[in-house]
Structures are given as C-alpha cells and as structure tokens.
Protein backbone atom coordinates (compact mmCIF):
# COMPACT_ATOMS: atom_id res chain seq x y z
CA LEU A 1 -99.32 11.82 -100.88
CA LEU A 2 -99.00 14.13 -97.85
CA THR A 3 -95.52 14.66 -96.39
CA ASN A 4 -94.69 16.79 -93.35
CA GLN A 5 -91.17 17.34 -92.11
CA TRP A 6 -89.23 19.32 -89.55
CA ALA A 7 -85.75 20.06 -90.82
CA ASN A 8 -82.75 22.34 -90.55
CA VAL A 9 -81.60 24.33 -93.56
CA VAL A 10 -78.32 26.08 -94.34
CA ARG A 11 -78.39 29.24 -96.43
CA TRP A 12 -75.37 31.39 -97.10
CA GLU A 13 -76.90 34.71 -96.12
CA MET A 14 -74.77 37.73 -97.03
CA ARG A 15 -75.98 39.56 -93.93
CA THR A 16 -77.46 37.55 -91.10
CA ARG A 17 -80.12 38.88 -88.74
CA MET A 18 -81.00 37.05 -85.54
CA PHE A 19 -84.03 34.76 -86.00
CA LEU A 20 -84.99 36.37 -89.32
CA ARG A 21 -82.09 35.54 -91.62
CA THR A 22 -79.63 33.13 -90.09
CA SER A 23 -77.06 30.91 -91.78
CA GLU A 24 -78.88 27.86 -90.42
CA PHE A 25 -82.49 27.72 -89.31
CA LEU A 26 -85.16 25.22 -88.43
CA TRP A 27 -88.44 24.97 -90.24
CA GLN A 28 -91.56 22.93 -90.69
CA GLU A 29 -92.52 22.24 -94.27
CA GLY A 30 -95.08 20.23 -96.18
CA HIS A 31 -94.81 18.63 -99.61
CA THR A 32 -97.89 17.05 -101.14
CA ALA A 33 -98.83 15.42 -104.45
CA HIS A 34 -102.39 15.27 -105.82
CA GLU A 35 -104.42 13.89 -108.67
CA ASN A 36 -105.66 17.23 -109.98
CA ARG A 37 -105.48 21.00 -109.68
CA GLU A 38 -108.57 21.32 -107.49
CA GLN A 39 -107.23 18.97 -104.82
CA ALA A 40 -103.81 20.64 -104.82
CA LEU A 41 -105.29 24.13 -104.52
CA ALA A 42 -107.49 22.97 -101.64
CA GLU A 43 -104.36 21.73 -99.85
CA THR A 44 -102.53 25.00 -100.59
CA HIS A 45 -105.28 26.99 -98.91
CA ARG A 46 -105.68 24.50 -96.06
CA ALA A 47 -102.00 24.96 -95.21
CA LEU A 48 -102.27 28.75 -95.43
CA GLU A 49 -105.24 28.70 -93.06
CA MET A 50 -103.31 26.43 -90.69
CA TYR A 51 -100.51 29.00 -90.56
CA ARG A 52 -102.93 31.91 -90.16
CA ALA A 53 -104.62 30.17 -87.24
CA CYS A 54 -101.29 29.35 -85.59
CA ALA A 55 -100.06 32.93 -85.95
CA GLU A 56 -103.23 34.60 -84.70
CA GLU A 57 -104.56 32.11 -82.14
CA ASP A 58 -101.31 30.79 -80.66
CA LEU A 59 -98.78 33.59 -81.23
CA ALA A 60 -101.28 36.50 -80.95
CA LEU A 61 -99.70 37.71 -84.20
CA PRO A 62 -102.27 39.32 -86.53
CA VAL A 63 -101.57 38.60 -90.17
CA ILE A 64 -102.98 39.44 -93.57
CA ALA A 65 -103.34 36.46 -95.88
CA GLY A 66 -103.17 36.92 -99.61
CA GLU A 67 -101.64 35.90 -102.92
CA LYS A 68 -98.16 37.03 -103.92
CA PRO A 69 -97.83 38.80 -107.29
CA GLU A 70 -96.02 37.11 -110.15
CA ASN A 71 -92.61 38.61 -109.31
CA GLU A 72 -92.80 37.43 -105.69
CA ARG A 73 -93.81 33.83 -106.38
CA PHE A 74 -91.66 30.92 -105.30
CA PRO A 75 -89.60 29.99 -108.40
CA GLY A 76 -91.55 27.45 -110.42
CA ALA A 77 -94.82 27.99 -108.56
CA VAL A 78 -98.14 28.69 -110.26
CA GLU A 79 -99.47 30.49 -107.17
CA THR A 80 -97.77 31.61 -103.95
CA TRP A 81 -99.78 32.68 -100.92
CA SER A 82 -98.45 34.28 -97.76
CA ILE A 83 -99.36 35.61 -94.34
CA GLU A 84 -97.83 39.03 -93.63
CA ALA A 85 -97.36 40.51 -90.16
CA MET A 86 -96.54 44.09 -89.21
CA MET A 87 -93.75 44.59 -86.70
CA GLN A 88 -93.69 47.50 -84.25
CA ASP A 89 -91.39 49.49 -86.53
CA GLY A 90 -93.93 49.28 -89.35
CA LYS A 91 -91.97 46.80 -91.44
CA ALA A 92 -93.54 43.66 -92.87
CA LEU A 93 -92.53 40.15 -91.94
CA GLN A 94 -93.47 37.27 -94.21
CA ALA A 95 -94.59 34.84 -91.52
CA GLY A 96 -95.44 31.82 -93.69
CA THR A 97 -96.01 30.75 -97.29
CA SER A 98 -97.98 28.15 -99.20
CA HIS A 99 -97.37 27.33 -102.87
CA TYR A 100 -99.39 25.62 -105.59
CA LEU A 101 -96.74 24.25 -107.93
CA GLY A 102 -98.96 22.89 -110.70
CA THR A 103 -97.17 20.04 -112.50
CA ASN A 104 -93.93 21.99 -112.97
CA PHE A 105 -91.95 20.16 -110.30
CA ALA A 106 -93.61 16.85 -111.19
CA HIS A 107 -92.27 17.15 -114.74
CA ALA A 108 -88.82 18.15 -113.48
CA ALA A 109 -88.58 15.29 -110.97
CA GLY A 110 -90.71 12.67 -112.74
CA ILE A 111 -93.45 12.54 -110.07
CA GLN A 112 -96.22 10.45 -111.65
CA PHE A 113 -99.15 8.28 -110.67
CA GLN A 114 -101.33 5.70 -112.40
CA ASP A 115 -104.79 7.13 -113.06
CA ARG A 116 -108.10 5.29 -113.03
CA GLU A 117 -107.66 4.22 -116.63
CA GLY A 118 -104.17 2.87 -115.98
CA ALA A 119 -102.30 5.70 -117.70
CA GLN A 120 -99.36 7.57 -116.16
CA GLN A 121 -100.12 11.18 -115.20
CA TYR A 122 -98.03 13.94 -113.63
CA CYS A 123 -99.00 14.98 -110.10
CA HIS A 124 -100.14 18.43 -109.07
CA THR A 125 -97.90 19.32 -106.13
CA THR A 126 -97.80 21.83 -103.27
CA SER A 127 -95.18 23.07 -100.85
CA TRP A 128 -95.61 25.16 -97.72
CA GLY A 129 -93.56 26.16 -94.69
CA VAL A 130 -92.83 28.29 -91.65
CA SER A 131 -89.55 28.69 -89.81
CA THR A 132 -87.88 29.95 -86.63
CA ARG A 133 -88.48 33.40 -88.16
CA LEU A 134 -91.77 33.22 -86.22
CA ILE A 135 -89.76 33.55 -83.00
CA GLY A 136 -88.41 36.85 -84.27
CA GLY A 137 -91.96 37.85 -85.19
CA VAL A 138 -93.21 37.20 -81.65
CA ILE A 139 -90.32 39.14 -80.12
CA MET A 140 -90.73 42.17 -82.40
CA THR A 141 -94.53 42.23 -82.18
CA HIS A 142 -94.98 41.84 -78.43
CA GLY A 143 -91.69 42.91 -76.84
CA ASP A 144 -91.43 46.20 -74.96
CA ASP A 145 -88.73 48.25 -73.22
CA ASP A 146 -88.67 45.78 -70.33
CA GLY A 147 -88.10 42.65 -72.43
CA LEU A 148 -90.29 39.91 -73.84
CA ARG A 149 -94.04 39.60 -73.49
CA VAL A 150 -94.85 36.00 -74.35
CA PRO A 151 -98.44 35.10 -75.26
CA PRO A 152 -99.81 32.65 -72.68
CA ALA A 153 -100.67 30.06 -75.34
CA ILE A 154 -96.96 29.50 -76.01
CA ALA A 155 -95.35 30.61 -72.74
CA PRO A 156 -93.18 27.83 -71.25
CA GLN A 157 -94.23 29.09 -67.82
CA GLN A 158 -97.62 30.82 -67.80
CA ILE A 159 -97.46 31.64 -64.08
CA VAL A 160 -94.30 32.05 -62.01
CA ILE A 161 -94.59 32.14 -58.21
CA ILE A 162 -91.77 33.83 -56.33
CA PRO A 163 -91.68 33.37 -52.53
CA MET A 164 -89.86 36.25 -50.81
CA LEU A 165 -87.26 34.13 -49.05
CA ARG A 166 -85.08 35.64 -46.36
CA GLU A 167 -82.86 32.73 -45.30
CA ALA A 168 -84.98 32.50 -42.15
CA PRO A 169 -86.83 29.60 -40.47
CA GLU A 170 -90.16 30.81 -41.83
CA ASP A 171 -88.91 30.24 -45.40
CA ALA A 172 -90.03 26.61 -45.18
CA ASP A 173 -93.58 27.67 -44.27
CA LEU A 174 -93.60 30.21 -47.12
CA ILE A 175 -92.48 27.61 -49.66
CA GLU A 176 -95.12 25.22 -48.39
CA TYR A 177 -97.78 27.93 -48.74
CA CYS A 178 -96.70 28.56 -52.36
CA GLN A 179 -96.62 24.84 -53.11
CA GLU A 180 -100.21 24.60 -51.89
CA ILE A 181 -101.11 27.22 -54.52
CA VAL A 182 -99.42 25.11 -57.20
CA ASP A 183 -101.33 22.06 -55.96
CA MET A 184 -104.62 24.01 -56.19
CA PHE A 185 -103.94 24.76 -59.85
CA ALA A 186 -103.21 21.10 -60.58
CA LYS A 187 -106.84 20.32 -59.69
CA LEU A 188 -108.35 22.95 -62.01
CA PRO A 189 -110.04 21.91 -65.30
CA LEU A 190 -108.15 22.28 -68.58
CA THR A 191 -107.82 25.88 -69.74
CA ALA A 192 -108.99 27.39 -73.02
CA PHE A 193 -105.53 26.48 -74.36
CA GLY A 194 -106.40 22.80 -73.96
CA GLU A 195 -104.05 21.93 -71.11
CA ARG A 196 -103.22 22.51 -67.47
CA ILE A 197 -101.74 25.85 -66.49
CA ARG A 198 -97.97 25.71 -66.74
CA MET A 199 -96.52 26.93 -63.44
CA LEU A 200 -93.12 27.34 -61.88
CA LEU A 201 -92.33 27.82 -58.19
CA ASP A 202 -89.05 29.78 -58.25
CA VAL A 203 -87.14 28.90 -55.07
CA LYS A 204 -83.63 29.49 -56.39
CA PRO A 205 -81.39 31.71 -54.23
CA GLY A 206 -81.60 35.44 -54.71
CA LYS A 207 -83.66 38.47 -53.84
CA ALA A 208 -87.31 38.37 -54.88
CA ALA A 209 -87.10 41.71 -56.73
CA ALA A 210 -84.17 40.53 -58.85
CA LYS A 211 -85.96 37.29 -59.69
CA ARG A 212 -89.12 39.23 -60.53
CA TRP A 213 -87.31 41.38 -63.11
CA ASP A 214 -85.64 38.30 -64.52
CA TRP A 215 -89.09 36.85 -65.25
CA VAL A 216 -90.31 40.20 -66.54
CA ARG A 217 -87.50 40.15 -69.10
CA LYS A 218 -88.35 36.56 -70.03
CA GLY A 219 -91.97 37.56 -70.53
CA ALA A 220 -93.82 35.24 -68.15
CA PRO A 221 -97.51 36.26 -68.54
CA ILE A 222 -98.30 36.27 -64.80
CA ILE A 223 -95.74 36.82 -62.04
CA VAL A 224 -96.76 36.28 -58.43
CA GLU A 225 -94.85 37.36 -55.33
CA VAL A 226 -95.67 35.98 -51.91
CA GLY A 227 -94.20 37.35 -48.68
CA PRO A 228 -94.74 36.42 -45.02
CA ARG A 229 -97.50 39.03 -44.65
CA ASP A 230 -99.30 37.68 -47.75
CA MET A 231 -99.07 34.18 -46.29
CA ALA A 232 -100.47 35.34 -42.96
CA GLU A 233 -103.43 37.00 -44.70
CA GLY A 234 -103.99 34.21 -47.26
CA ASN A 235 -103.14 36.49 -50.20
CA VAL A 236 -100.81 36.82 -53.20
CA ALA A 237 -99.42 39.84 -55.07
CA MET A 238 -99.85 39.44 -58.85
CA LEU A 239 -98.36 41.22 -61.87
CA ARG A 240 -99.75 40.95 -65.41
CA ARG A 241 -96.78 41.16 -67.78
CA ASP A 242 -98.87 42.86 -70.47
CA ARG A 243 -99.89 45.64 -68.05
CA LEU A 244 -96.76 45.93 -66.00
CA TRP A 245 -96.84 49.57 -64.90
CA ASN A 246 -99.27 51.65 -62.90
CA THR A 247 -99.80 54.72 -65.09
CA GLU A 248 -100.61 56.91 -62.08
CA ASN A 249 -97.49 56.35 -59.99
CA GLY A 250 -95.07 54.66 -62.40
CA LYS A 251 -94.66 51.63 -60.14
CA PRO A 252 -95.30 47.95 -60.92
CA ALA A 253 -99.06 47.42 -61.06
CA PHE A 254 -99.42 44.71 -58.42
CA GLN A 255 -102.90 43.34 -57.80
CA PHE A 256 -103.56 41.82 -54.38
CA LEU A 257 -105.84 38.80 -54.39
CA SER A 258 -106.79 36.06 -52.00
CA ARG A 259 -105.16 32.73 -52.70
CA THR A 260 -108.44 31.10 -53.70
CA GLY A 261 -109.52 34.15 -55.68
CA PHE A 262 -106.29 34.05 -57.65
CA SER A 263 -106.63 30.37 -58.49
CA SER A 264 -110.21 30.86 -59.70
CA GLN A 265 -109.39 33.96 -61.78
CA ALA A 266 -106.07 32.86 -63.29
CA PRO A 267 -107.47 30.85 -66.24
CA SER A 268 -109.58 33.77 -67.44
CA LEU A 269 -106.68 36.17 -66.79
CA LEU A 270 -104.44 34.16 -69.10
CA GLU A 271 -107.12 34.26 -71.79
CA ALA A 272 -107.45 38.02 -71.28
CA ILE A 273 -103.69 38.52 -71.65
CA GLN A 274 -103.64 36.45 -74.85
CA ARG A 275 -106.53 38.50 -76.23
CA ALA A 276 -105.03 41.83 -75.12
CA LEU A 277 -101.71 41.14 -76.86
CA TYR A 278 -103.51 40.22 -80.06
CA GLU A 279 -105.80 43.25 -79.97
CA GLU A 280 -102.88 45.59 -79.23
CA ALA A 281 -100.99 44.24 -82.25
CA CYS A 282 -104.12 44.51 -84.41
CA ALA A 283 -104.64 48.11 -83.37
CA LEU A 284 -101.05 49.04 -84.24
CA ARG A 285 -101.30 47.34 -87.64
CA ASP A 286 -104.68 48.79 -88.57
CA ALA A 287 -103.62 52.30 -87.55
CA ASN A 288 -100.58 52.07 -89.81
CA ILE A 289 -102.06 50.92 -93.11
CA THR A 290 -102.71 53.88 -95.43
CA ARG A 291 -105.32 53.39 -98.15
CA ASP A 292 -105.87 56.83 -99.71
CA LEU A 293 -102.81 57.22 -101.96
CA THR A 294 -103.60 57.37 -105.67
CA GLU A 295 -100.34 58.57 -107.28
CA TRP A 296 -96.85 57.09 -107.31
CA GLN A 297 -95.20 60.28 -106.01
CA GLN A 298 -97.50 60.13 -103.00
CA VAL A 299 -96.14 56.66 -102.30
CA VAL A 300 -92.55 57.89 -102.53
CA ASP A 301 -93.29 60.84 -100.25
CA HIS A 302 -95.11 58.62 -97.77
CA PHE A 303 -92.10 56.40 -97.23
CA GLU A 304 -89.34 58.99 -97.56
CA LYS A 305 -90.96 61.82 -95.62
CA GLY A 306 -93.49 59.99 -93.50
CA GLY A 307 -91.37 59.64 -90.38
CA LYS A 308 -89.43 56.78 -88.90
CA TYR A 309 -92.25 54.22 -89.06
CA PRO A 310 -94.34 54.79 -92.21
CA GLY A 311 -96.17 51.46 -91.98
CA TRP A 312 -97.82 49.85 -95.01
CA ILE A 313 -99.94 51.17 -97.86
CA GLU A 314 -102.73 49.48 -99.76
CA VAL A 315 -103.02 50.69 -103.35
CA GLN A 316 -104.72 49.61 -106.54
CA TRP A 317 -102.93 48.21 -109.58
CA SER A 318 -103.72 46.64 -112.93
CA LYS A 319 -101.71 43.44 -112.32
CA PRO A 320 -99.08 44.16 -115.00
CA THR A 321 -96.95 41.34 -116.39
CA GLY A 322 -93.72 40.99 -118.34
CA ALA A 323 -91.79 44.19 -119.02
CA ALA A 324 -94.49 46.33 -117.39
CA LEU A 325 -94.14 44.35 -114.16
CA ASP A 326 -90.34 44.61 -114.35
CA ALA A 327 -90.69 48.40 -114.53
CA VAL A 328 -92.91 48.38 -111.44
CA VAL A 329 -90.39 46.25 -109.54
CA GLU A 330 -87.57 48.66 -110.42
CA LYS A 331 -89.65 51.60 -109.20
CA LEU A 332 -90.26 49.86 -105.90
CA LYS A 333 -86.67 48.73 -105.53
CA ALA A 334 -85.42 52.30 -105.96
CA VAL A 335 -87.19 53.27 -102.72
CA LYS A 336 -86.60 49.92 -100.94
CA LEU A 337 -90.20 48.73 -101.17
CA THR A 338 -91.78 45.40 -102.06
CA ILE A 339 -95.27 44.16 -102.81
CA ARG A 340 -96.30 41.95 -99.91
CA ASN A 341 -99.49 40.33 -101.23
CA VAL A 342 -102.97 40.84 -102.62
CA PRO A 343 -105.14 40.61 -99.46
CA ARG A 344 -107.79 37.97 -99.96
CA GLU A 345 -110.27 40.07 -97.97
CA ALA A 346 -109.49 43.40 -99.65
CA ALA A 347 -112.29 45.50 -101.14
CA PRO A 348 -112.78 45.22 -104.93
CA ALA A 349 -110.70 47.55 -107.09
CA ASP A 350 -112.60 50.67 -108.21
CA GLY A 351 -109.96 53.08 -109.51
CA SER A 352 -106.81 53.37 -111.57
CA CYS A 353 -103.50 51.55 -111.31
CA ILE A 354 -101.06 53.62 -109.27
CA PHE A 355 -98.22 52.54 -111.58
CA THR A 356 -99.73 52.55 -115.09
CA GLY A 357 -102.88 54.64 -114.85
CA GLU A 358 -104.88 51.80 -116.41
CA PRO A 359 -108.07 50.48 -114.79
CA ALA A 360 -107.13 48.63 -111.61
CA SER A 361 -107.97 44.95 -111.15
CA GLU A 362 -107.03 44.43 -107.48
CA ARG A 363 -105.54 45.96 -104.37
CA ILE A 364 -102.02 45.23 -103.12
CA LEU A 365 -100.04 45.85 -99.95
CA ILE A 366 -96.69 47.64 -100.28
CA ALA A 367 -94.16 47.92 -97.46
CA ARG A 368 -90.57 47.85 -96.39
CA ALA A 369 -89.83 44.38 -95.16
CA TYR A 370 -87.39 42.20 -93.24
C-alpha cells in the first residue's frame, strides 16, 4: 500500500523562523505498508534517493545522505535516514527524511494483511517527507547581497525581457521586437529541464533600470534589456543572475548578443547557470567540512574559537547506546551541537571514538543546525 499526500500541518513552535520553523507549514509525505522488512527498506531508500535527486538536480542544493543515530531517529522508527545541506553560514539544514518503522506502528494501529497462507500478519511500514523548509534552504544556499538567485530548473520565469520603454511612439516597435524574441523561443525544442523555456515580457510601466533590479532581487536566472539601439542593430543586452557583476569595473556584467545568437545560446546558458549554482554550493560545503579532529576538546575549540562560520566536522565514534549515548548527547548539547547523520559514502572508520576512546565503528557529521 503506497500513499502519497500533500498536507498542511500546525505545530506550536516556541520560536518561529521564516520557512524553517513556522506555526503552520505545507509538506509532502509518504506512508507505505509492506509485506516484509526487505520491501519496506527498499522503499525507505527509494524515497531518500528521490529527495536527494530533487535537492541536487532541481534545487541545485548539494546534500549528504546518511542514517541518523539512535538519539536522532523519528520516535518509534527502526531506522531514520536524512539528507543534510550546508547553508552559507555553515549551519546544517535537515532537508528531508525517510523512516523505516518496522512493525512498531502496525502493532500500535492494527495495520495487518492476510499472508499467502491466510494468516494475519503485521505490516512493515515506512514514512518519509519534505516540507516548505526547502524554500528556506534554496534562499539561504543561493541568495546573495542583491537578493535571490533561483536555480533555472525551478524559476517561475527563467528569462525576463525588459524593453526600455520611453512613452514614445517607437515603444510599440520595441515591444513587437521583444515579442518576436519570445515567439522564437516558443519554437525551440524542449530544454534539458524537460519543458519549454519559461519567459516573461515585462511591459509594465516604470523605468527599465528599476524593473531590472526588481528581477535581480527576485532571482530571475537571465534578465534581458532591449533598447531602441539594440533593436536597430538586432541585438539584446543580457545579464546572468549568477554572475551579476563585472569584477573589473564593478558594474553589471551585461553581455551583448545578436537576437538569434541569444535564442540559440539561452538553453545551454540556463543549464550552465543551474550547474554553476550547484558547483558553487558544493565548493562552499566541501571547503567547510573538517575531518582531522581526533579529541573532544578539539571539537569544542573548533566551534567556540573557529570564527563566525565553523562549518561541519566529520569524526569517528563507536556508536554508543543507552547511558553512554546519553552522555554524548549531553556533551554535544552543552556546546549547541547535534549529530547530523552517518554519511552513507563516508570512508570506513580506522581510529578511536572521539567520545569514548574505544575503537570507532563509523564516521559521523556534527554541526550546529537550524
């Protein structure tokens, strides 16, 4: 039984934070019931991979997938898996989770099925979900001092064309010229994102420069300005939102292209912007994961004396349980840290547990988090 739903949820958060912890939020969640453990675990990992692909391929949001430790599991779950993203301030954002619930919830709720021999058996169930928290993740990962930078795959308007109107008779010709560009794009093949390029011809009243900065703040991937001189020469002036400034003169980095050249290059430009945003976020994350700490005091010093944005650390531990795990959690809580997950692609453990000194069994990510 495979159930998907989109729902709103109310939680009485003590302290709300826009997009990340709101009193009411929207989410997508799955609830499934299976005959056995193997099928349920396969669904758990299928959902996790679905979320990883959405985050990385659509949102340009690099994540690390892994299993949560015992103390971070969803209550009642046998296994909890997550995707963790690093924000620009070095904090972690849990971007999605997937849980294998065993038969715990089936026993509690009486979820049974008739097996092949006719007997009643309890289902193995899963639960997984993402929420509007992902919007906050996109803003904090890609935004800059000028506003949003929206990945082309999800941008409502991938290209915005702004004619430089002057309330003059030639405005009609300029609008027609820009509309011809829009019409050219309508005839192009589907893009790598599987659809036509989403375009907007912005003819609302106002100065072109003011409208340009409005779209910069909104994060439109490509912004095009067209003036009477551009029209006369068959050209357009284009801005890539991800590379807004000319580093040599500090001015907007306009590129001047012919109208036909722009229409032929635009699909690959959008792909390049999507890729550049992802690679930029990857570079920031990878440069801010420390892996050479072997003592607890080093961890404390790293986060308390390591500057404003200390990032994450990957350390080795012995996977303690019970009272030993409680002691670890208290240590972490004292310095406002949490274990994010055990990266599924981490190298094998080869040292000692940073908490207990015993032989380590795996590597974990530790960070301050939203």
